[in-house]
Amino acid sequence: MSVYNNTVILKGNVCKEAEIKETTAGSVAKFTLAVYRTDKGNEAVTDFLIVSCWHDLCRGMSQINKGTSLIVIGSVITRSYEAKDGTKRYVTEIQAREIGLDIAIKKEGSKEEPEESPF
């Protein structure tokens, strides 16, 4: 059995700069990734997914701006907690193992150069 049999690969845009915090377990960065798909009627749909990354992986997130196109490889994690009103709440997020810039093929005549990766 594979250690990584819960694997997702996502391509999307960062919705806002990552929130980076120091915890007793280490550094963690959380951000929202907008991913795009089409529904049954070929209508464009946007899903907003929470992504967390830990330790060395979160260091480069301070250099990533809103709108940056990223590729994220990680696992789907579901956790629960008890809210102040006593109800049980569930959170589903992506725990990233790898993050990279989505470097598209440069169009002819385009003056854009690929960014240098902070990772």
Protein backbone atom coordinates (compact mmCIF):
# COMPACT_ATOMS: atom_id res chain seq x y z
CA MET A 1 0.00 0.00 0.00
CA SER A 2 1.30 3.45 -0.95
CA VAL A 3 1.96 6.03 1.72
CA TYR A 4 0.47 8.72 -0.55
CA ASN A 5 -2.72 7.08 -1.80
CA ASN A 6 -4.65 10.25 -0.82
CA THR A 7 -3.17 12.60 -3.43
CA VAL A 8 -4.64 15.60 -5.23
CA ILE A 9 -3.03 17.78 -7.89
CA LEU A 10 -4.52 21.24 -8.23
CA LYS A 11 -3.87 24.14 -10.59
CA GLY A 12 -5.35 27.48 -9.59
CA ASN A 13 -4.81 31.08 -8.56
CA VAL A 14 -4.01 32.41 -5.10
CA CYS A 15 -6.97 34.44 -3.79
CA LYS A 16 -4.95 36.48 -1.25
CA GLU A 17 -1.49 36.41 0.30
CA ALA A 18 -0.82 33.51 2.68
CA GLU A 19 -1.25 33.88 6.43
CA ILE A 20 1.94 32.58 8.03
CA LYS A 21 1.97 31.64 11.71
CA GLU A 22 4.40 30.09 14.14
CA THR A 23 2.92 27.24 16.19
CA THR A 24 4.35 24.79 18.69
CA ALA A 25 4.48 22.25 15.84
CA GLY A 26 6.37 24.66 13.53
CA SER A 27 5.64 27.27 10.84
CA VAL A 28 2.40 26.98 8.89
CA ALA A 29 1.06 29.02 5.95
CA LYS A 30 -2.60 28.98 4.93
CA PHE A 31 -4.07 30.44 1.78
CA THR A 32 -7.09 30.03 -0.48
CA LEU A 33 -6.66 28.63 -3.99
CA ALA A 34 -9.30 29.32 -6.65
CA VAL A 35 -9.63 26.30 -8.95
CA TYR A 36 -11.75 26.21 -12.08
CA ARG A 37 -13.90 23.48 -13.62
CA THR A 38 -16.97 23.12 -15.81
CA ASP A 39 -20.28 21.66 -14.67
CA LYS A 40 -22.64 19.41 -16.66
CA GLY A 41 -23.87 22.31 -18.77
CA ASN A 42 -20.28 23.40 -19.56
CA GLU A 43 -20.73 26.44 -17.30
CA ALA A 44 -17.54 27.67 -15.65
CA VAL A 45 -17.49 27.04 -11.90
CA THR A 46 -14.91 28.28 -9.39
CA ASP A 47 -14.15 26.36 -6.20
CA PHE A 48 -12.23 28.00 -3.36
CA LEU A 49 -10.04 25.55 -1.45
CA ILE A 50 -8.06 26.17 1.74
CA VAL A 51 -4.45 25.03 1.41
CA SER A 52 -2.02 24.64 4.30
CA CYS A 53 1.70 24.02 4.10
CA TRP A 54 4.18 23.42 6.89
CA HIS A 55 7.82 24.05 7.80
CA ASP A 56 10.23 24.68 4.91
CA LEU A 57 7.45 24.64 2.33
CA CYS A 58 5.74 27.65 3.89
CA ARG A 59 8.88 29.85 3.74
CA GLY A 60 8.39 30.73 0.07
CA MET A 61 4.72 31.62 0.51
CA SER A 62 5.58 35.11 1.81
CA GLN A 63 6.75 35.96 -1.73
CA ILE A 64 3.59 34.74 -3.50
CA ASN A 65 1.10 37.46 -4.42
CA LYS A 66 -2.64 37.40 -5.00
CA GLY A 67 -3.45 36.08 -8.48
CA THR A 68 -0.30 33.97 -8.83
CA SER A 69 -0.97 30.72 -10.66
CA LEU A 70 0.23 27.71 -8.63
CA ILE A 71 0.30 23.95 -8.90
CA VAL A 72 -0.27 22.22 -5.55
CA ILE A 73 0.27 18.53 -4.81
CA GLY A 74 -1.02 17.31 -1.48
CA SER A 75 -3.65 15.40 0.46
CA VAL A 76 -7.27 16.08 1.39
CA ILE A 77 -7.56 16.46 5.17
CA THR A 78 -10.84 16.64 7.11
CA ARG A 79 -10.82 17.66 10.77
CA SER A 80 -13.48 18.63 13.26
CA TYR A 81 -13.74 20.95 16.24
CA GLU A 82 -16.38 22.11 18.68
CA ALA A 83 -17.61 25.65 18.11
CA LYS A 84 -18.28 28.10 20.98
CA ASP A 85 -22.00 27.36 20.72
CA GLY A 86 -21.29 23.64 21.29
CA THR A 87 -21.96 22.44 17.73
CA LYS A 88 -19.47 20.21 15.96
CA ARG A 89 -17.90 21.81 12.87
CA TYR A 90 -15.97 20.14 10.06
CA VAL A 91 -13.21 21.64 7.95
CA THR A 92 -11.83 20.15 4.73
CA GLU A 93 -8.54 21.49 3.41
CA ILE A 94 -5.59 20.52 1.26
CA GLN A 95 -2.33 19.81 3.08
CA ALA A 96 0.35 20.59 0.52
CA ARG A 97 3.41 18.40 0.03
CA GLU A 98 4.70 20.29 -3.02
CA ILE A 99 3.96 23.77 -4.39
CA GLY A 100 5.26 25.23 -7.64
CA LEU A 101 4.64 28.14 -9.93
CA ASP A 102 2.53 27.38 -12.99
CA ILE A 103 4.83 28.49 -15.77
CA ALA A 104 2.80 28.63 -18.96
CA ILE A 105 4.41 28.50 -22.38
CA LYS A 106 5.26 32.03 -23.43
CA LYS A 107 3.12 33.24 -26.35
CA GLU A 108 4.92 34.58 -29.39
CA GLY A 109 5.32 38.34 -29.09
CA SER A 110 4.69 38.33 -25.32
CA LYS A 111 7.16 40.30 -23.24
CA GLU A 112 6.39 38.40 -20.02
CA GLU A 113 9.29 36.44 -18.54
CA PRO A 114 8.71 33.50 -16.19
CA GLU A 115 9.08 34.42 -12.51
CA GLU A 116 11.91 32.98 -10.45
CA SER A 117 10.50 30.38 -8.06
CA PRO A 118 10.76 31.20 -4.33
CA PHE A 119 10.62 27.44 -3.58
